[in-house]
Amino acid sequence: MSPRRSYDQYCSAARALDVVGDRWTLLIVRELLAGPRRYTDLHADLPGVSTDVLASRLKDMERDGISTRRKLPPPGAAYVYELTARGRQLLPVLQALGEWGQAELGARRPTDAVRAHWFALPLLRALEGEGVVEVRLAEGEFHLHVGAEDGPVYGEGAAPVEPDARLVLDSGTCEALARGELSLADAVRDGRIEVTGEGTLAKALLDL
């Protein structure tokens, strides 16, 4: 475990950066907002991180009370990492950071990696209410737990329950939403997002 470094400044922002300011830490939090993840899953969805750095960051996060590690019962018997309640409190931090960073996205570069569930956070910012939303993109499917106060806020693949709304959209539309160039309401009205479902979230989207 790496020694904890500090800015040695009596400032809450500096203290927060002592804990989560290292490279990769907040992106690991982004992945763990999906719920318990195995080390191999985290490594696969964090292209560019070395195994040594990932292992070091996970140990640091456990030490600092942001995440925990536990062993799944048989037949899984694998270790998974998950956020603590304090770790989950970083969701609005990531949301604010993502909103601030919209202007930095620009057009997608040939070297940019992408995962379907990376669009979960910008979509969560645009959705109001409570319920489960299933999203289908060319890159894959994921689902959102809109308004969730505890537990995962999104997950990969189809929703584990009947969703309140299903959204189908292309990558260009999702990228425009992520960049802040297109509102969810306009995308629905213009037919760029197909909305189906019987839940209140679907009805609210169709009434936008």
Foldseek 3Di string as FASTA:
>chain_A
DDDQDFPPDPDVVRVVCSQQVDPPRVVLLVVQLQPWDALVVSPVVDPPDDSVVSVVSLVSCVVVQQKDWDADDPPRRGIIIHGDLVNVVCLVVVLVVLVVCLQVCPDDDPPDDDAVCVLVSLVLVQADDFWKEWEQEPRAIKMAGRPDPDGHGIHGHGDPDQTQKYKYAYPVVSSCSSSVNDHLQRCVVVVRIDMDHDHPRSVVSNVD
